[in-house]
Structures are given as C-alpha cells and as structure tokens.
Amino acid sequence: MENNFFVEGFVARVGTTRYMTKEDLDPYRAPFPTPDDRMGMARMPNIWGGGHPGYETYVSAVVTEATLPILHEKPALICWACKDRTFRRRHLARWQYVFAHVDGPYLLPKARHFLQEDAAPEILDHIERWRNELVLVYK
C-alpha cells in the first residue's frame, strides 16, 4: 500500500502490452493518493477466498456474484483481452452464460488486463456500433 504496487507494479509493468509513461499512469494514481485510499486494492485478492482477515468487509462481492442472474436478459457487449493473465477463458464462458443477449465476444489478441490501454480504438468502435444498434432496438 505504501508504494502503490497496484499502479506502479501491476498496471505499469504487466497490466498492458505497451510502456506506460508517468502521464499514462497519473489517472490510475489519482483516486488513490494515500496508503489508506489503497486499502481496497490491497484486500481485493482476498474477496473470493473467504476466511481471510477483513473478508467480512467485502461480503458485497459475494452478494454481487449471487445476484448476477437478475442481469441475464440485459444486453451485454464483451470485448476480451486474450493476453490477460487474470481473466481466462473460463471467466469468458461465465460472462457468456450470465448474459442471454451477448454481442461478442470480440477477441483482442494483443490486449492484456487493461484492455482499454492496449486496444482503445477497437473497443470504441465496438461500443459505438453496439450503442447505435441498441438505440434502434429500443426506440
């Protein structure tokens, strides 16, 4: 937490395929200026494990997972980072199961975890097309 490892280590070194400059990383640093502000990031890996100190604080993640079925009929757009070391094919299969009306997945072969950094133009193209299609459907 002291050294902001999430941003300085994960985002900067393994979260993207490109070199992240100081200016690139500043928006990721901004919401978490102090070690106390980084407490959630430090505890996040424990959310799914249970039994860890502080886990009870993050029960909302379990509730979120349990209530995902209410989103089943909502339209979803999936753009997927193929080089993500955190989310794998089994996670993609889960999202495809959760949503009945999926546009995609659009595989981004060179993108890692922060896919918006590695494939922004492609993602924006998919979002704009999807939005325009939804506007026609829901008019």
C-alpha atoms as a PDB file:
ATOM      1  CA  MET A   1       0.000   0.000   0.000  1.00  0.00           C
ATOM      2  CA  GLU A   2       2.843   2.369   0.815  1.00  0.00           C
ATOM      3  CA  ASN A   3       4.392   2.106  -2.651  1.00  0.00           C
ATOM      4  CA  ASN A   4       1.114   1.863  -4.587  1.00  0.00           C
ATOM      5  CA  PHE A   5       2.151  -1.519  -6.001  1.00  0.00           C
ATOM      6  CA  PHE A   6      -1.113  -1.960  -7.899  1.00  0.00           C
ATOM      7  CA  VAL A   7      -0.385   1.033 -10.135  1.00  0.00           C
ATOM      8  CA  GLU A   8       3.409   1.128 -10.053  1.00  0.00           C
ATOM      9  CA  GLY A   9       3.853  -2.626 -10.411  1.00  0.00           C
ATOM     10  CA  PHE A  10       0.792  -4.261 -11.886  1.00  0.00           C
ATOM     11  CA  VAL A  11      -0.620  -1.565 -14.168  1.00  0.00           C
ATOM     12  CA  ALA A  12       2.788  -0.201 -15.182  1.00  0.00           C
ATOM     13  CA  ARG A  13       4.594  -3.494 -15.775  1.00  0.00           C
ATOM     14  CA  VAL A  14       2.224  -6.368 -16.535  1.00  0.00           C
ATOM     15  CA  GLY A  15      -1.238  -4.868 -16.999  1.00  0.00           C
ATOM     16  CA  THR A  16      -0.636  -3.686 -20.556  1.00  0.00           C
ATOM     17  CA  THR A  17       1.463  -4.645 -23.539  1.00  0.00           C
ATOM     18  CA  ARG A  18       2.836  -1.155 -24.018  1.00  0.00           C
ATOM     19  CA  TYR A  19       5.148   1.013 -21.946  1.00  0.00           C
ATOM     20  CA  MET A  20       3.129   3.206 -19.581  1.00  0.00           C
ATOM     21  CA  THR A  21       4.529   6.709 -19.087  1.00  0.00           C
ATOM     22  CA  LYS A  22       4.135   8.784 -15.927  1.00  0.00           C
ATOM     23  CA  GLU A  23       1.351  10.678 -17.690  1.00  0.00           C
ATOM     24  CA  ASP A  24      -0.379   7.411 -18.663  1.00  0.00           C
ATOM     25  CA  LEU A  25      -0.316   6.246 -15.043  1.00  0.00           C
ATOM     26  CA  ASP A  26      -1.401   9.510 -13.396  1.00  0.00           C
ATOM     27  CA  PRO A  27      -5.156   8.854 -13.905  1.00  0.00           C
ATOM     28  CA  TYR A  28      -4.711   5.448 -12.236  1.00  0.00           C
ATOM     29  CA  ARG A  29      -2.881   7.060  -9.303  1.00  0.00           C
ATOM     30  CA  ALA A  30      -5.302   9.969  -8.820  1.00  0.00           C
ATOM     31  CA  PRO A  31      -8.145   8.171  -6.960  1.00  0.00           C
ATOM     32  CA  PHE A  32      -5.682   6.558  -4.521  1.00  0.00           C
ATOM     33  CA  PRO A  33      -3.260   9.268  -3.322  1.00  0.00           C
ATOM     34  CA  THR A  34      -2.609   7.824   0.167  1.00  0.00           C
ATOM     35  CA  PRO A  35      -1.967   4.332   1.535  1.00  0.00           C
ATOM     36  CA  ASP A  36      -5.334   4.439   3.336  1.00  0.00           C
ATOM     37  CA  ASP A  37      -7.035   5.079  -0.009  1.00  0.00           C
ATOM     38  CA  ARG A  38      -5.390   1.896  -1.342  1.00  0.00           C
ATOM     39  CA  MET A  39      -6.830  -0.436   1.317  1.00  0.00           C
ATOM     40  CA  GLY A  40      -9.448  -1.865  -1.065  1.00  0.00           C
ATOM     41  CA  MET A  41      -6.817  -2.704  -3.670  1.00  0.00           C
ATOM     42  CA  ALA A  42      -4.711  -4.447  -1.044  1.00  0.00           C
ATOM     43  CA  ARG A  43      -7.641  -6.574   0.102  1.00  0.00           C
ATOM     44  CA  MET A  44      -9.165  -7.268  -3.301  1.00  0.00           C
ATOM     45  CA  PRO A  45      -7.319 -10.582  -3.856  1.00  0.00           C
ATOM     46  CA  ASN A  46      -8.952 -11.899  -0.674  1.00  0.00           C
ATOM     47  CA  ILE A  47     -12.510 -11.191  -1.815  1.00  0.00           C
ATOM     48  CA  TRP A  48     -13.120 -14.581  -3.340  1.00  0.00           C
ATOM     49  CA  GLY A  49     -11.114 -16.663  -0.867  1.00  0.00           C
ATOM     50  CA  GLY A  50     -13.126 -16.230   2.321  1.00  0.00           C
ATOM     51  CA  GLY A  51     -11.711 -16.798   5.768  1.00  0.00           C
ATOM     52  CA  HIS A  52      -9.080 -14.100   5.349  1.00  0.00           C
ATOM     53  CA  PRO A  53      -8.766 -11.189   7.778  1.00  0.00           C
ATOM     54  CA  GLY A  54     -11.052  -8.406   6.632  1.00  0.00           C
ATOM     55  CA  TYR A  55     -13.055 -10.694   4.339  1.00  0.00           C
ATOM     56  CA  GLU A  56     -16.319  -9.861   6.079  1.00  0.00           C
ATOM     57  CA  THR A  57     -15.845  -6.261   4.921  1.00  0.00           C
ATOM     58  CA  TYR A  58     -16.100  -7.446   1.317  1.00  0.00           C
ATOM     59  CA  VAL A  59     -19.223  -9.553   1.532  1.00  0.00           C
ATOM     60  CA  SER A  60     -20.739  -7.309  -1.130  1.00  0.00           C
ATOM     61  CA  ALA A  61     -18.628  -9.081  -3.784  1.00  0.00           C
ATOM     62  CA  VAL A  62     -20.271 -12.383  -2.862  1.00  0.00           C
ATOM     63  CA  VAL A  63     -23.704 -10.746  -2.982  1.00  0.00           C
ATOM     64  CA  THR A  64     -22.905  -9.251  -6.385  1.00  0.00           C
ATOM     65  CA  GLU A  65     -21.942 -12.658  -7.751  1.00  0.00           C
ATOM     66  CA  ALA A  66     -25.081 -14.247  -6.308  1.00  0.00           C
ATOM     67  CA  THR A  67     -27.362 -11.624  -7.859  1.00  0.00           C
ATOM     68  CA  LEU A  68     -25.862 -11.679 -11.367  1.00  0.00           C
ATOM     69  CA  PRO A  69     -28.795 -13.740 -12.688  1.00  0.00           C
ATOM     70  CA  ILE A  70     -31.043 -10.647 -12.492  1.00  0.00           C
ATOM     71  CA  LEU A  71     -28.962  -9.246 -15.365  1.00  0.00           C
ATOM     72  CA  HIS A  72     -29.499 -12.312 -17.537  1.00  0.00           C
ATOM     73  CA  GLU A  73     -31.870 -10.657 -20.021  1.00  0.00           C
ATOM     74  CA  LYS A  74     -29.906  -7.410 -20.271  1.00  0.00           C
ATOM     75  CA  PRO A  75     -27.868  -6.865 -23.446  1.00  0.00           C
ATOM     76  CA  ALA A  76     -24.116  -7.095 -22.979  1.00  0.00           C
ATOM     77  CA  LEU A  77     -21.104  -6.238 -25.086  1.00  0.00           C
ATOM     78  CA  ILE A  78     -17.992  -8.314 -24.431  1.00  0.00           C
ATOM     79  CA  CYS A  79     -14.557  -7.225 -25.596  1.00  0.00           C
ATOM     80  CA  TRP A  80     -11.999  -9.745 -24.358  1.00  0.00           C
ATOM     81  CA  ALA A  81      -8.283  -9.315 -23.755  1.00  0.00           C
ATOM     82  CA  CYS A  82      -6.631 -12.534 -24.925  1.00  0.00           C
ATOM     83  CA  LYS A  83      -3.351 -11.860 -23.089  1.00  0.00           C
ATOM     84  CA  ASP A  84      -4.961 -11.102 -19.725  1.00  0.00           C
ATOM     85  CA  ARG A  85      -3.202 -13.082 -17.002  1.00  0.00           C
ATOM     86  CA  THR A  86      -6.079 -12.622 -14.554  1.00  0.00           C
ATOM     87  CA  PHE A  87      -9.224 -13.411 -16.547  1.00  0.00           C
ATOM     88  CA  ARG A  88      -9.038 -16.632 -18.546  1.00  0.00           C
ATOM     89  CA  ARG A  89     -11.320 -18.495 -20.957  1.00  0.00           C
ATOM     90  CA  ARG A  90     -13.350 -19.926 -18.045  1.00  0.00           C
ATOM     91  CA  HIS A  91     -14.190 -16.369 -16.990  1.00  0.00           C
ATOM     92  CA  LEU A  92     -15.277 -15.542 -20.521  1.00  0.00           C
ATOM     93  CA  ALA A  93     -17.511 -18.609 -20.553  1.00  0.00           C
ATOM     94  CA  ARG A  94     -19.048 -17.398 -17.273  1.00  0.00           C
ATOM     95  CA  TRP A  95     -19.931 -13.994 -18.747  1.00  0.00           C
ATOM     96  CA  GLN A  96     -21.365 -15.596 -21.857  1.00  0.00           C
ATOM     97  CA  TYR A  97     -23.552 -17.739 -19.599  1.00  0.00           C
ATOM     98  CA  VAL A  98     -24.636 -14.855 -17.346  1.00  0.00           C
ATOM     99  CA  PHE A  99     -25.975 -12.767 -20.229  1.00  0.00           C
ATOM    100  CA  ALA A 100     -28.507 -14.182 -22.681  1.00  0.00           C
ATOM    101  CA  HIS A 101     -28.002 -11.408 -25.244  1.00  0.00           C
ATOM    102  CA  VAL A 102     -24.261 -11.080 -25.823  1.00  0.00           C
ATOM    103  CA  ASP A 103     -22.714  -9.095 -28.629  1.00  0.00           C
ATOM    104  CA  GLY A 104     -19.324 -10.710 -28.990  1.00  0.00           C
ATOM    105  CA  PRO A 105     -17.030 -11.739 -27.580  1.00  0.00           C
ATOM    106  CA  TYR A 106     -14.700  -9.598 -29.604  1.00  0.00           C
ATOM    107  CA  LEU A 107     -11.284 -11.052 -29.006  1.00  0.00           C
ATOM    108  CA  LEU A 108      -8.445  -8.589 -28.697  1.00  0.00           C
ATOM    109  CA  PRO A 109      -5.402 -10.789 -29.372  1.00  0.00           C
ATOM    110  CA  LYS A 110      -2.735  -8.339 -28.195  1.00  0.00           C
ATOM    111  CA  ALA A 111      -4.533  -6.834 -25.181  1.00  0.00           C
ATOM    112  CA  ARG A 112      -3.804  -7.560 -21.523  1.00  0.00           C
ATOM    113  CA  HIS A 113      -5.790  -6.828 -18.351  1.00  0.00           C
ATOM    114  CA  PHE A 114      -6.158  -3.093 -19.001  1.00  0.00           C
ATOM    115  CA  LEU A 115      -7.515  -3.658 -22.474  1.00  0.00           C
ATOM    116  CA  GLN A 116      -8.607  -0.038 -22.777  1.00  0.00           C
ATOM    117  CA  GLU A 117      -4.904   0.861 -22.857  1.00  0.00           C
ATOM    118  CA  ASP A 118      -3.963  -1.743 -25.462  1.00  0.00           C
ATOM    119  CA  ALA A 119      -6.968  -1.691 -27.794  1.00  0.00           C
ATOM    120  CA  ALA A 120      -8.852   1.564 -27.269  1.00  0.00           C
ATOM    121  CA  PRO A 121      -9.742   2.226 -30.930  1.00  0.00           C
ATOM    122  CA  GLU A 122     -11.141  -1.288 -31.448  1.00  0.00           C
ATOM    123  CA  ILE A 123     -13.119  -1.162 -28.199  1.00  0.00           C
ATOM    124  CA  LEU A 124     -14.546   2.263 -29.020  1.00  0.00           C
ATOM    125  CA  ASP A 125     -15.604   1.048 -32.464  1.00  0.00           C
ATOM    126  CA  HIS A 126     -17.473  -1.877 -30.873  1.00  0.00           C
ATOM    127  CA  ILE A 127     -19.102   0.373 -28.255  1.00  0.00           C
ATOM    128  CA  GLU A 128     -20.282   2.900 -30.840  1.00  0.00           C
ATOM    129  CA  ARG A 129     -21.673   0.215 -33.162  1.00  0.00           C
ATOM    130  CA  TRP A 130     -23.363  -1.597 -30.263  1.00  0.00           C
ATOM    131  CA  ARG A 131     -24.842   1.624 -28.886  1.00  0.00           C
ATOM    132  CA  ASN A 132     -26.249   2.540 -32.289  1.00  0.00           C
ATOM    133  CA  GLU A 133     -27.811  -0.901 -32.676  1.00  0.00           C
ATOM    134  CA  LEU A 134     -29.380  -0.692 -29.205  1.00  0.00           C
ATOM    135  CA  VAL A 135     -30.808   2.742 -29.943  1.00  0.00           C
ATOM    136  CA  LEU A 136     -32.585   1.275 -32.977  1.00  0.00           C
ATOM    137  CA  VAL A 137     -33.912  -1.682 -30.984  1.00  0.00           C
ATOM    138  CA  TYR A 138     -35.154   0.356 -28.017  1.00  0.00           C
ATOM    139  CA  LYS A 139     -36.675   3.303 -29.917  1.00  0.00           C
END
